[in-house]
């Protein structure tokens, strides 16, 4: 996989590898999934329902040629949760370090069109399905790239189904 220059929003920047941009020139076969709440649940090791789902998603990402596509806001969302959890002392440093290393090594592609669609397509999806703008950006990406959406968020799952996007089921 060819990687571009380091992206300030992508976890891959911490490894110095840069991220792989998605754009019109990139073949659609490169992207396998759009990630939603899965990474954060995996980071925080939420007890009970869902852990099997997160594990199966990350195991699938370890497969040959598998890649995840995320909106450019994804890195900021991850950083925000990490910072808040650290401030509340509920995230051990060892867990954070392991998580960031795993995300840096994961085949995660940062979408280059999220920003240009924020006030048009994403806003419209947010209004139509009563989603946050952040969640709508995941739905917009999944619809545009024709990707299954990996998320634990029930409202986002319902909106994706209504909008005609595939929702990734447990693998």
Protein backbone atom coordinates (compact mmCIF):
# COMPACT_ATOMS: atom_id res chain seq x y z
CA UNK A 1 0.00 0.00 0.00
CA UNK A 2 1.30 3.43 -0.93
CA UNK A 3 0.96 5.98 1.84
CA UNK A 4 0.80 9.71 1.45
CA UNK A 5 2.28 12.41 3.64
CA UNK A 6 1.37 12.36 7.32
CA UNK A 7 -2.20 13.48 7.95
CA UNK A 8 -2.65 15.58 11.07
CA UNK A 9 -5.99 13.88 11.79
CA UNK A 10 -5.04 10.26 11.21
CA UNK A 11 -3.71 7.95 13.93
CA UNK A 12 -1.16 6.70 11.40
CA UNK A 13 0.72 10.01 11.76
CA UNK A 14 2.06 8.84 15.10
CA UNK A 15 3.96 6.08 13.34
CA UNK A 16 5.43 8.44 10.76
CA UNK A 17 3.86 6.36 7.99
CA UNK A 18 1.27 8.90 6.91
CA UNK A 19 -2.17 7.90 5.77
CA UNK A 20 -3.55 6.68 2.49
CA UNK A 21 -5.89 9.24 1.02
CA UNK A 22 -9.16 8.18 -0.56
CA UNK A 23 -10.23 10.20 -3.54
CA UNK A 24 -11.44 9.89 -7.09
CA UNK A 25 -8.17 8.32 -8.24
CA UNK A 26 -8.24 5.61 -5.57
CA UNK A 27 -9.90 2.36 -6.59
CA UNK A 28 -12.98 1.54 -4.53
CA UNK A 29 -11.68 -1.96 -3.91
CA UNK A 30 -9.16 -0.50 -1.45
CA UNK A 31 -11.79 0.35 1.14
CA UNK A 32 -13.57 -2.43 2.98
CA UNK A 33 -15.46 -0.72 5.80
CA UNK A 34 -16.39 2.60 7.28
CA UNK A 35 -15.77 2.61 11.05
CA UNK A 36 -18.17 4.15 13.53
CA UNK A 37 -18.24 3.67 17.28
CA UNK A 38 -16.35 0.38 17.07
CA UNK A 39 -12.83 1.71 17.70
CA UNK A 40 -13.84 3.66 20.79
CA UNK A 41 -15.71 0.74 22.28
CA UNK A 42 -12.68 -1.45 21.65
CA UNK A 43 -10.41 1.18 23.26
CA UNK A 44 -12.53 1.40 26.37
CA UNK A 45 -13.23 -2.34 26.45
CA UNK A 46 -16.93 -1.83 27.05
CA UNK A 47 -18.27 -4.71 29.06
CA UNK A 48 -21.05 -6.89 27.75
CA UNK A 49 -22.77 -6.57 24.40
CA UNK A 50 -20.67 -5.56 21.47
CA UNK A 51 -17.17 -6.72 22.40
CA UNK A 52 -17.46 -9.70 20.08
CA UNK A 53 -18.45 -7.33 17.27
CA UNK A 54 -15.44 -5.05 17.83
CA UNK A 55 -13.09 -7.99 17.94
CA UNK A 56 -14.50 -9.41 14.70
CA UNK A 57 -14.18 -6.03 12.95
CA UNK A 58 -10.54 -5.62 13.99
CA UNK A 59 -9.75 -9.23 13.08
CA UNK A 60 -11.28 -8.58 9.65
CA UNK A 61 -9.04 -5.51 9.29
CA UNK A 62 -6.04 -7.73 9.89
CA UNK A 63 -6.98 -9.77 6.81
CA UNK A 64 -5.15 -9.58 3.52
CA UNK A 65 -6.12 -6.46 1.59
CA UNK A 66 -8.69 -5.28 4.14
CA UNK A 67 -8.95 -1.55 4.77
CA UNK A 68 -11.22 0.81 6.67
CA UNK A 69 -12.28 4.20 5.40
CA UNK A 70 -13.04 6.98 7.90
CA UNK A 71 -14.08 10.64 7.69
CA UNK A 72 -11.29 13.11 8.40
CA UNK A 73 -12.88 13.89 11.77
CA UNK A 74 -12.23 10.34 13.01
CA UNK A 75 -8.80 11.12 14.47
CA UNK A 76 -10.21 14.11 16.34
CA UNK A 77 -13.04 12.01 17.77
CA UNK A 78 -10.55 9.41 18.98
CA UNK A 79 -8.25 12.08 20.45
CA UNK A 80 -11.18 13.75 22.23
CA UNK A 81 -12.33 10.53 23.91
CA UNK A 82 -8.77 9.63 24.91
CA UNK A 83 -8.18 13.08 26.42
CA UNK A 84 -11.46 13.03 28.36
CA UNK A 85 -10.89 9.49 29.64
CA UNK A 86 -7.36 10.33 30.71
CA UNK A 87 -8.59 13.43 32.52
CA UNK A 88 -11.06 11.23 34.42
CA UNK A 89 -8.28 8.65 35.00
CA UNK A 90 -10.35 5.83 33.52
CA UNK A 91 -7.97 4.97 30.69
CA UNK A 92 -4.69 3.34 31.68
CA UNK A 93 -1.65 4.66 29.83
CA UNK A 94 -0.75 1.13 28.75
CA UNK A 95 -4.16 0.68 27.12
CA UNK A 96 -3.91 4.03 25.34
CA UNK A 97 -0.41 3.23 24.09
CA UNK A 98 -1.45 -0.20 22.80
CA UNK A 99 -4.56 1.26 21.16
CA UNK A 100 -2.67 4.04 19.38
CA UNK A 101 -0.08 1.54 18.15
CA UNK A 102 -2.84 -0.74 16.84
CA UNK A 103 -4.63 2.16 15.11
CA UNK A 104 -1.35 3.40 13.65
CA UNK A 105 -0.70 -0.03 12.16
CA UNK A 106 -4.30 -0.60 11.00
CA UNK A 107 -5.10 -0.10 7.33
CA UNK A 108 -7.15 3.06 7.90
CA UNK A 109 -7.78 5.42 5.00
CA UNK A 110 -8.75 9.03 5.65
CA UNK A 111 -11.43 10.26 3.25
CA UNK A 112 -10.48 13.48 1.48
CA UNK A 113 -14.03 14.63 0.72
CA UNK A 114 -15.57 14.74 4.21
CA UNK A 115 -14.97 18.46 4.64
CA UNK A 116 -16.33 19.47 1.24
CA UNK A 117 -19.55 17.52 1.90
CA UNK A 118 -20.09 18.61 5.51
CA UNK A 119 -22.44 21.50 4.77
CA UNK A 120 -24.27 19.73 1.97
CA UNK A 121 -24.70 15.94 1.97
CA UNK A 122 -23.77 15.31 5.61
CA UNK A 123 -25.95 18.17 6.85
CA UNK A 124 -28.89 16.88 4.81
CA UNK A 125 -28.44 13.35 6.21
CA UNK A 126 -28.15 14.80 9.71
CA UNK A 127 -31.47 16.63 9.27
CA UNK A 128 -33.27 13.77 7.54
CA UNK A 129 -32.31 11.07 10.03
CA UNK A 130 -31.86 13.23 13.16
CA UNK A 131 -28.19 12.32 13.51
CA UNK A 132 -25.28 14.34 14.82
CA UNK A 133 -23.20 15.87 12.05
CA UNK A 134 -20.39 13.49 13.04
CA UNK A 135 -22.59 10.41 12.65
CA UNK A 136 -24.02 11.78 9.40
CA UNK A 137 -20.47 12.06 8.02
CA UNK A 138 -20.02 8.31 8.51
CA UNK A 139 -23.31 7.63 6.77
CA UNK A 140 -22.43 10.00 3.91
CA UNK A 141 -19.10 8.23 3.47
CA UNK A 142 -20.68 4.77 3.50
CA UNK A 143 -23.30 5.82 0.94
CA UNK A 144 -20.86 7.62 -1.36
CA UNK A 145 -18.22 4.90 -1.30
CA UNK A 146 -20.80 2.07 -1.21
CA UNK A 147 -19.22 0.61 1.92
CA UNK A 148 -20.78 -1.33 4.77
CA UNK A 149 -20.93 0.78 7.91
CA UNK A 150 -19.33 -0.70 11.02
CA UNK A 151 -21.01 0.89 14.04
CA UNK A 152 -22.54 -0.01 17.38
CA UNK A 153 -24.76 3.09 17.36
CA UNK A 154 -28.37 1.89 16.97
CA UNK A 155 -29.65 5.23 15.64
CA UNK A 156 -26.91 5.27 13.02
CA UNK A 157 -27.65 1.65 12.10
CA UNK A 158 -31.36 2.49 11.61
CA UNK A 159 -30.53 5.59 9.55
CA UNK A 160 -28.10 3.62 7.38
CA UNK A 161 -30.72 0.96 6.72
CA UNK A 162 -33.35 3.58 5.81
CA UNK A 163 -30.86 5.39 3.55
CA UNK A 164 -29.93 2.17 1.76
CA UNK A 165 -26.44 1.68 3.16
CA UNK A 166 -25.28 -1.75 4.27
CA UNK A 167 -24.56 -2.18 7.96
CA UNK A 168 -21.73 -4.54 8.78
CA UNK A 169 -23.02 -7.43 10.84
CA UNK A 170 -20.85 -9.55 13.09
CA UNK A 171 -18.24 -11.29 10.98
